[in-house]
Amino acid sequence: MRTLRVELGERSYPIRIGSGLLSRADLLAPHLEQRRVAIVTNETVAPLYLAQVRSVAAARQPLEVILPDGEQYKTLEVVARIFDALLQARCDRRTMILALGGGVIGDMAGFAAACYQRGVPFIQIPTTLLAQVDSSVGGKTGVNHPLGKNMIGAFYQPQAVIIDTDTLRTLPDRELKAGIAEVIKYGLIRDAEFFVWLEKNLPRLLARDSEALSYAIEHSCRNKAEVVAKDERESGLRAVLNFGHTFGHAIETATEYRSWLHGEAIAAGMAMAADLSRRLGWLAEDEASRIRSLIKMAQLPDRAPPGIDNEQLRTLMEMDKKVESGRLRLVLLKRIGEAVVTADYPSPVLDQTIAAHVRIQ
């Protein structure tokens, strides 16, 4: 087991990474003393891993909340089911919520923890690669709205993140590839050496080589933890973690969160952000080509799905949280390993990038 820390003063917490951690009662025990426990998971993960977590928390007689699986269920209405279960069980402020699942479960359970009785503690137990390398770390919680992704939420840090790499054995190939999109992101925004490692080792990740996956998870979490420690609430530096996300979130909203996984939309978004950076003369042609090649090597999309037009995508991008004073700020690249957040780009150039990456048919 490897342990990293997200350094946030009194709210600092560990990230545990290793094999067989779901069965390690000693990792949960320090957080569960004299507490009620509620395990929030979904219909896909529950048959696979709920029994393990239930047995570890058995002494606390855990409440179990099983939600439907899918990004389209990341809504206030579904979060209300968590509140219903907590209230019906008369859970108090000492209740510990365990978020067992992928990014959707982590975001919803964390948001419920932030809101229930104005805040109860929670622990992230991510079971997908995307959640392990990104959404479980950093305290972003929330739900989607038909007009925009993650527009309703809160910054609320977990007590711990427990990453059992064994859960990746049951992860569908499509979900694994979607998680790799977020891994690639770290190489692009701040870690050029990691990007080179990915160019050489991506086939090992696709083949589920345990050593390569552990290295990628730890490296991604270390990058995320360092950024969050410097800028917890996204007032500056942390915004670079959204590379590709403004484009990607618009794609997800346009498709009503149903046809593409989050990581697939982010992959296309990163390709678009890299293309815009190239058109601005910031990113060298050869680096833009390397980025697109790596996305394709990961068997991820580099364009928006059919059925979205230019105007629709642009309009949805302008609903993004990074709009300030009427200007859409984007995360772009100066080079591989160096990202900037800027609104300093000609609008027609953005339109050119969008036009090159949408396909009506």
Protein backbone atom coordinates (compact mmCIF):
# COMPACT_ATOMS: atom_id res chain seq x y z
CA MET A 1 0.00 0.00 0.00
CA ARG A 2 1.15 3.51 -0.85
CA THR A 3 -0.11 6.55 1.05
CA LEU A 4 -0.29 10.12 -0.24
CA ARG A 5 -1.76 13.12 1.57
CA VAL A 6 -3.85 16.04 0.48
CA GLU A 7 -2.38 18.81 2.61
CA LEU A 8 -5.18 21.12 3.71
CA GLY A 9 -4.20 21.93 7.29
CA GLU A 10 -6.75 20.60 9.76
CA ARG A 11 -8.73 19.07 6.88
CA SER A 12 -5.80 17.11 5.44
CA TYR A 13 -6.53 13.48 4.58
CA PRO A 14 -4.78 10.37 3.27
CA ILE A 15 -5.10 8.68 -0.11
CA ARG A 16 -4.45 4.95 0.29
CA ILE A 17 -3.56 3.04 -2.88
CA GLY A 18 -3.07 -0.71 -3.03
CA SER A 19 -4.41 -4.20 -3.62
CA GLY A 20 -7.00 -5.77 -1.29
CA LEU A 21 -7.80 -2.56 0.58
CA LEU A 22 -11.58 -3.15 0.65
CA SER A 23 -10.97 -5.93 3.16
CA ARG A 24 -8.67 -3.84 5.38
CA ALA A 25 -10.77 -3.04 8.44
CA ASP A 26 -7.83 -1.15 9.93
CA LEU A 27 -8.14 1.53 7.25
CA LEU A 28 -11.75 2.33 8.09
CA ALA A 29 -11.78 1.65 11.83
CA PRO A 30 -10.13 4.93 12.92
CA HIS A 31 -12.85 6.88 11.10
CA LEU A 32 -15.84 4.86 12.32
CA GLU A 33 -15.55 4.92 16.10
CA GLN A 34 -18.94 5.54 17.72
CA ARG A 35 -20.51 6.52 14.41
CA ARG A 36 -23.47 5.41 12.37
CA VAL A 37 -22.40 4.28 8.91
CA ALA A 38 -24.26 4.67 5.62
CA ILE A 39 -22.86 2.99 2.51
CA VAL A 40 -23.97 4.67 -0.72
CA THR A 41 -23.41 2.64 -3.88
CA ASN A 42 -25.20 1.71 -7.11
CA GLU A 43 -26.89 -1.28 -8.70
CA THR A 44 -23.76 -2.26 -10.65
CA VAL A 45 -21.18 -2.00 -7.86
CA ALA A 46 -23.34 -3.40 -5.05
CA PRO A 47 -23.27 -7.06 -6.22
CA LEU A 48 -19.50 -6.85 -6.65
CA TYR A 49 -18.17 -5.04 -3.59
CA LEU A 50 -20.91 -4.09 -1.13
CA ALA A 51 -20.49 -7.30 0.89
CA GLN A 52 -16.78 -6.60 1.45
CA VAL A 53 -17.37 -3.09 2.70
CA ARG A 54 -20.39 -4.20 4.74
CA SER A 55 -18.27 -6.82 6.53
CA VAL A 56 -15.56 -4.30 7.33
CA ALA A 57 -18.15 -1.91 8.80
CA ALA A 58 -20.37 -4.65 10.28
CA ALA A 59 -19.88 -3.52 13.87
CA ARG A 60 -21.56 -0.21 12.99
CA GLN A 61 -24.63 -1.96 11.48
CA PRO A 62 -24.37 0.02 8.25
CA LEU A 63 -27.31 1.50 6.41
CA GLU A 64 -27.18 0.67 2.69
CA VAL A 65 -28.39 3.04 -0.02
CA ILE A 66 -28.33 1.55 -3.53
CA LEU A 67 -28.92 4.00 -6.40
CA PRO A 68 -29.38 3.49 -10.16
CA ASP A 69 -26.20 3.49 -12.24
CA GLY A 70 -25.44 6.14 -14.84
CA GLU A 71 -24.53 9.79 -15.34
CA GLN A 72 -28.17 10.54 -16.23
CA TYR A 73 -29.09 9.76 -12.61
CA LYS A 74 -26.70 12.34 -11.15
CA THR A 75 -29.56 14.64 -10.19
CA LEU A 76 -31.10 16.34 -7.17
CA GLU A 77 -34.01 13.90 -7.37
CA VAL A 78 -31.72 10.89 -6.94
CA VAL A 79 -29.66 12.57 -4.20
CA ALA A 80 -32.96 13.03 -2.37
CA ARG A 81 -33.10 9.23 -2.03
CA ILE A 82 -29.95 9.41 0.10
CA PHE A 83 -31.55 12.07 2.30
CA ASP A 84 -34.73 9.97 2.57
CA ALA A 85 -32.77 6.92 3.74
CA LEU A 86 -30.71 8.92 6.26
CA LEU A 87 -33.79 10.58 7.73
CA GLN A 88 -35.83 7.39 7.87
CA ALA A 89 -32.96 5.72 9.75
CA ARG A 90 -32.71 8.78 12.03
CA CYS A 91 -29.05 9.30 11.23
CA ASP A 92 -27.44 12.15 13.13
CA ARG A 93 -24.49 14.44 12.50
CA ARG A 94 -22.01 11.76 13.55
CA THR A 95 -23.03 9.51 10.68
CA MET A 96 -20.21 8.54 8.32
CA ILE A 97 -21.12 8.16 4.65
CA LEU A 98 -19.04 5.73 2.59
CA ALA A 99 -19.15 6.46 -1.15
CA LEU A 100 -18.60 3.11 -2.87
CA GLY A 101 -18.54 3.39 -6.65
CA GLY A 102 -17.43 5.54 -9.54
CA GLY A 103 -17.43 9.27 -10.01
CA VAL A 104 -21.21 9.66 -10.07
CA ILE A 105 -21.63 7.92 -6.71
CA GLY A 106 -18.68 9.83 -5.23
CA ASP A 107 -20.07 13.17 -6.37
CA MET A 108 -23.61 12.46 -5.18
CA ALA A 109 -22.68 10.86 -1.86
CA GLY A 110 -20.22 13.68 -1.18
CA PHE A 111 -22.84 16.29 -1.99
CA ALA A 112 -25.33 14.54 0.29
CA ALA A 113 -22.67 14.52 3.04
CA ALA A 114 -22.06 18.24 2.56
CA CYS A 115 -25.79 19.01 2.86
CA TYR A 116 -27.19 16.52 5.39
CA GLN A 117 -27.67 18.32 8.70
CA ARG A 118 -25.25 20.92 7.26
CA GLY A 119 -22.42 18.45 6.96
CA VAL A 120 -21.51 14.91 7.98
CA PRO A 121 -18.16 13.18 7.29
CA PHE A 122 -17.64 10.88 4.34
CA ILE A 123 -15.00 8.62 2.82
CA GLN A 124 -14.39 8.03 -0.86
CA ILE A 125 -13.98 4.38 -1.95
CA PRO A 126 -13.69 4.72 -5.74
CA THR A 127 -14.09 1.62 -7.90
CA THR A 128 -13.44 3.02 -11.39
CA LEU A 129 -10.17 4.28 -12.80
CA LEU A 130 -11.65 7.69 -13.54
CA ALA A 131 -12.83 8.10 -9.96
CA GLN A 132 -9.55 6.78 -8.56
CA VAL A 133 -7.36 9.23 -10.46
CA ASP A 134 -9.61 12.27 -10.40
CA SER A 135 -13.07 12.74 -8.94
CA SER A 136 -12.49 11.05 -5.56
CA VAL A 137 -9.67 13.48 -4.70
CA GLY A 138 -10.13 17.17 -4.04
CA GLY A 139 -13.59 17.58 -2.55
CA LYS A 140 -15.65 18.56 -5.59
CA THR A 141 -19.16 17.21 -5.08
CA GLY A 142 -22.40 17.89 -6.87
CA VAL A 143 -25.06 17.00 -9.40
CA ASN A 144 -25.91 17.84 -12.99
CA HIS A 145 -28.67 20.06 -14.34
CA PRO A 146 -30.29 19.80 -17.78
CA LEU A 147 -28.63 23.12 -18.65
CA GLY A 148 -25.15 22.26 -17.40
CA LYS A 149 -22.93 19.64 -15.82
CA ASN A 150 -21.98 19.93 -12.13
CA MET A 151 -23.67 23.31 -11.84
CA ILE A 152 -25.10 22.46 -8.40
CA GLY A 153 -22.61 21.36 -5.77
CA ALA A 154 -20.17 22.14 -3.00
CA PHE A 155 -16.50 21.89 -2.14
CA TYR A 156 -16.47 19.31 0.65
CA GLN A 157 -13.40 17.24 1.47
CA PRO A 158 -13.56 13.54 2.43
CA GLN A 159 -11.97 12.10 5.55
CA ALA A 160 -9.96 9.66 3.42
CA VAL A 161 -9.73 8.14 -0.05
CA ILE A 162 -9.28 4.36 -0.20
CA ILE A 163 -8.30 3.06 -3.64
CA ASP A 164 -8.36 -0.72 -4.02
CA THR A 165 -6.76 -1.40 -7.39
CA ASP A 166 -8.34 -4.88 -7.45
CA THR A 167 -11.67 -3.26 -8.35
CA LEU A 168 -10.28 -2.51 -11.80
CA ARG A 169 -10.41 -6.23 -12.62
CA THR A 170 -14.19 -6.02 -13.02
CA LEU A 171 -14.18 -2.66 -14.79
CA PRO A 172 -15.51 -2.85 -18.38
CA ASP A 173 -12.98 -1.99 -21.07
CA ARG A 174 -14.92 1.11 -22.07
CA GLU A 175 -14.84 2.42 -18.49
CA LEU A 176 -11.10 1.72 -18.25
CA LYS A 177 -10.42 3.75 -21.39
CA ALA A 178 -12.61 6.58 -20.09
CA GLY A 179 -10.46 6.69 -16.95
CA ILE A 180 -7.29 6.83 -19.01
CA ALA A 181 -8.51 10.14 -20.45
CA GLU A 182 -8.13 11.78 -17.04
CA VAL A 183 -4.72 10.14 -16.60
CA ILE A 184 -3.56 11.68 -19.89
CA LYS A 185 -4.78 15.06 -18.68
CA TYR A 186 -2.17 15.23 -15.91
CA GLY A 187 0.65 14.72 -18.38
CA LEU A 188 -0.72 17.49 -20.56
CA ILE A 189 -1.31 20.16 -17.92
CA ARG A 190 1.73 19.87 -15.64
CA ASP A 191 3.83 16.72 -16.04
CA ALA A 192 5.57 16.34 -19.41
CA GLU A 193 7.67 13.41 -18.15
CA PHE A 194 4.49 11.54 -17.26
CA PHE A 195 3.15 12.22 -20.75
CA VAL A 196 6.26 10.61 -22.24
CA TRP A 197 5.78 7.64 -19.88
CA LEU A 198 2.21 7.31 -21.13
CA GLU A 199 3.33 7.33 -24.76
CA LYS A 200 5.55 4.35 -23.96
CA ASN A 201 3.27 2.50 -21.54
CA LEU A 202 -0.29 3.08 -22.70
CA PRO A 203 -0.55 -0.46 -24.12
CA ARG A 204 0.26 -1.78 -20.63
CA LEU A 205 -2.59 0.27 -19.15
CA LEU A 206 -5.02 -1.03 -21.77
CA ALA A 207 -3.85 -4.57 -20.97
CA ARG A 208 -4.51 -3.91 -17.24
CA ASP A 209 -0.90 -4.45 -16.22
CA SER A 210 -1.14 -4.05 -12.43
CA GLU A 211 2.24 -2.36 -12.03
CA ALA A 212 1.50 0.18 -14.77
CA LEU A 213 -1.98 0.89 -13.43
CA SER A 214 -0.68 1.42 -9.89
CA TYR A 215 2.01 3.77 -11.16
CA ALA A 216 -0.51 5.78 -13.22
CA ILE A 217 -2.97 6.01 -10.33
CA GLU A 218 -0.34 7.13 -7.82
CA HIS A 219 1.18 9.64 -10.23
CA SER A 220 -2.24 11.08 -11.11
CA CYS A 221 -3.30 11.34 -7.47
CA ARG A 222 -0.01 13.01 -6.55
CA ASN A 223 -0.53 15.63 -9.24
CA LYS A 224 -4.13 16.21 -8.18
CA ALA A 225 -3.22 16.42 -4.48
CA GLU A 226 -0.47 18.97 -5.12
CA VAL A 227 -2.80 21.23 -7.09
CA VAL A 228 -5.66 20.96 -4.57
CA ALA A 229 -3.30 21.73 -1.67
CA LYS A 230 -2.34 24.99 -3.37
CA ASP A 231 -5.84 26.01 -4.49
CA GLU A 232 -8.66 24.10 -2.83
CA ARG A 233 -11.58 26.15 -4.11
CA GLU A 234 -10.45 26.76 -7.68
CA SER A 235 -9.65 30.44 -7.32
CA GLY A 236 -6.68 30.11 -9.65
CA LEU A 237 -4.31 27.20 -10.21
CA ARG A 238 -6.87 24.42 -9.72
CA ALA A 239 -8.74 25.51 -12.83
CA VAL A 240 -6.03 23.86 -14.97
CA LEU A 241 -7.49 20.51 -13.86
CA ASN A 242 -10.43 21.37 -16.11
CA PHE A 243 -8.37 21.01 -19.29
CA GLY A 244 -10.75 19.78 -21.98
CA HIS A 245 -13.69 19.90 -19.59
CA THR A 246 -15.46 22.99 -20.95
CA PHE A 247 -15.73 21.32 -24.36
CA GLY A 248 -16.40 17.92 -22.79
CA HIS A 249 -19.09 19.09 -20.39
CA ALA A 250 -20.90 20.80 -23.27
CA ILE A 251 -20.85 17.50 -25.17
CA GLU A 252 -22.27 15.66 -22.15
CA THR A 253 -25.02 18.23 -21.69
CA ALA A 254 -25.92 18.16 -25.40
CA THR A 255 -26.26 14.37 -25.27
CA GLU A 256 -28.24 14.51 -21.99
CA TYR A 257 -25.51 12.54 -20.19
CA ARG A 258 -26.60 9.32 -21.90
CA SER A 259 -24.55 8.37 -24.95
CA TRP A 260 -20.95 9.02 -23.86
CA LEU A 261 -19.05 8.37 -20.66
CA HIS A 262 -17.49 11.37 -18.93
CA GLY A 263 -13.96 10.37 -19.89
CA GLU A 264 -14.93 9.94 -23.54
CA ALA A 265 -16.31 13.48 -23.66
CA ILE A 266 -13.20 14.79 -21.90
CA ALA A 267 -10.94 13.04 -24.43
CA ALA A 268 -12.71 14.82 -27.28
CA GLY A 269 -12.58 18.04 -25.25
CA MET A 270 -8.83 17.72 -24.76
CA ALA A 271 -8.34 17.18 -28.49
CA MET A 272 -10.36 20.35 -29.12
CA ALA A 273 -8.46 22.37 -26.50
CA ALA A 274 -5.15 21.21 -27.99
CA ASP A 275 -6.37 22.15 -31.47
CA LEU A 276 -7.34 25.64 -30.30
CA SER A 277 -3.94 26.02 -28.63
CA ARG A 278 -2.30 25.07 -31.93
CA ARG A 279 -4.43 27.50 -33.93
CA LEU A 280 -3.38 30.29 -31.55
CA GLY A 281 0.25 29.50 -32.25
CA TRP A 282 0.93 28.43 -28.67
CA LEU A 283 1.23 24.68 -29.08
CA ALA A 284 3.69 23.34 -31.63
CA GLU A 285 2.29 21.27 -34.50
CA ASP A 286 4.27 18.19 -33.49
CA GLU A 287 3.02 18.38 -29.90
CA ALA A 288 -0.59 18.72 -31.07
CA SER A 289 -0.03 15.64 -33.23
CA ARG A 290 1.41 13.69 -30.28
CA ILE A 291 -1.62 14.56 -28.16
CA ARG A 292 -4.07 13.41 -30.80
CA SER A 293 -2.06 10.23 -31.36
CA LEU A 294 -2.11 9.36 -27.65
CA ILE A 295 -5.86 9.93 -27.45
CA LYS A 296 -6.36 7.65 -30.44
CA MET A 297 -3.95 5.06 -28.98
CA ALA A 298 -6.19 4.99 -25.90
CA GLN A 299 -9.10 4.23 -28.27
CA LEU A 300 -10.88 7.41 -27.21
CA PRO A 301 -12.80 9.88 -29.40
CA ASP A 302 -11.13 13.06 -30.64
CA ARG A 303 -14.27 14.71 -32.02
CA ALA A 304 -17.78 15.42 -30.76
CA PRO A 305 -20.41 12.75 -31.45
CA PRO A 306 -22.82 13.16 -34.40
CA GLY A 307 -25.89 15.29 -33.91
CA ILE A 308 -24.37 18.34 -32.19
CA ASP A 309 -24.10 21.53 -34.24
CA ASN A 310 -21.61 24.37 -33.82
CA GLU A 311 -24.05 26.83 -32.29
CA GLN A 312 -25.40 24.32 -29.77
CA LEU A 313 -21.92 23.40 -28.56
CA ARG A 314 -20.83 27.04 -28.30
CA THR A 315 -24.00 28.00 -26.40
CA LEU A 316 -23.55 25.17 -23.90
CA MET A 317 -19.89 26.07 -23.40
CA GLU A 318 -20.97 29.56 -22.42
CA MET A 319 -22.99 28.04 -19.55
CA ASP A 320 -19.70 26.85 -18.01
CA LYS A 321 -18.72 27.81 -14.46
CA LYS A 322 -15.53 29.42 -15.79
CA VAL A 323 -17.44 32.27 -17.45
CA GLU A 324 -16.45 35.53 -15.76
CA SER A 325 -17.84 38.95 -16.67
CA GLY A 326 -19.31 37.50 -19.83
CA ARG A 327 -15.99 36.01 -21.01
CA LEU A 328 -15.50 32.27 -21.33
CA ARG A 329 -12.16 31.27 -19.82
CA LEU A 330 -10.60 28.14 -21.27
CA VAL A 331 -7.73 25.92 -20.18
CA LEU A 332 -5.24 25.83 -23.04
CA LEU A 333 -1.68 24.61 -23.55
CA LYS A 334 1.52 26.55 -24.09
CA ARG A 335 3.29 23.22 -24.48
CA ILE A 336 2.86 19.66 -23.24
CA GLY A 337 3.17 19.96 -19.46
CA GLU A 338 2.18 23.64 -19.23
CA ALA A 339 -1.44 24.77 -19.10
CA VAL A 340 -2.89 28.26 -18.73
CA VAL A 341 -6.36 29.55 -17.96
CA THR A 342 -7.25 32.38 -20.30
CA ALA A 343 -10.02 34.33 -21.98
CA ASP A 344 -7.45 35.91 -24.29
CA TYR A 345 -8.28 34.27 -27.58
CA PRO A 346 -10.14 35.51 -30.68
CA SER A 347 -13.70 34.22 -30.73
CA PRO A 348 -13.51 33.32 -34.45
CA VAL A 349 -10.59 30.98 -33.75
CA LEU A 350 -12.65 29.13 -31.15
CA ASP A 351 -15.43 28.86 -33.74
CA GLN A 352 -12.92 27.32 -36.18
CA THR A 353 -11.95 24.66 -33.64
CA ILE A 354 -15.59 23.84 -32.91
CA ALA A 355 -16.41 23.61 -36.60
CA ALA A 356 -13.51 21.23 -37.17
CA HIS A 357 -14.66 18.87 -34.41
CA VAL A 358 -18.43 18.60 -34.79
CA ARG A 359 -20.19 16.29 -37.23
CA ILE A 360 -23.90 16.69 -37.86
CA GLN A 361 -24.27 13.26 -39.49
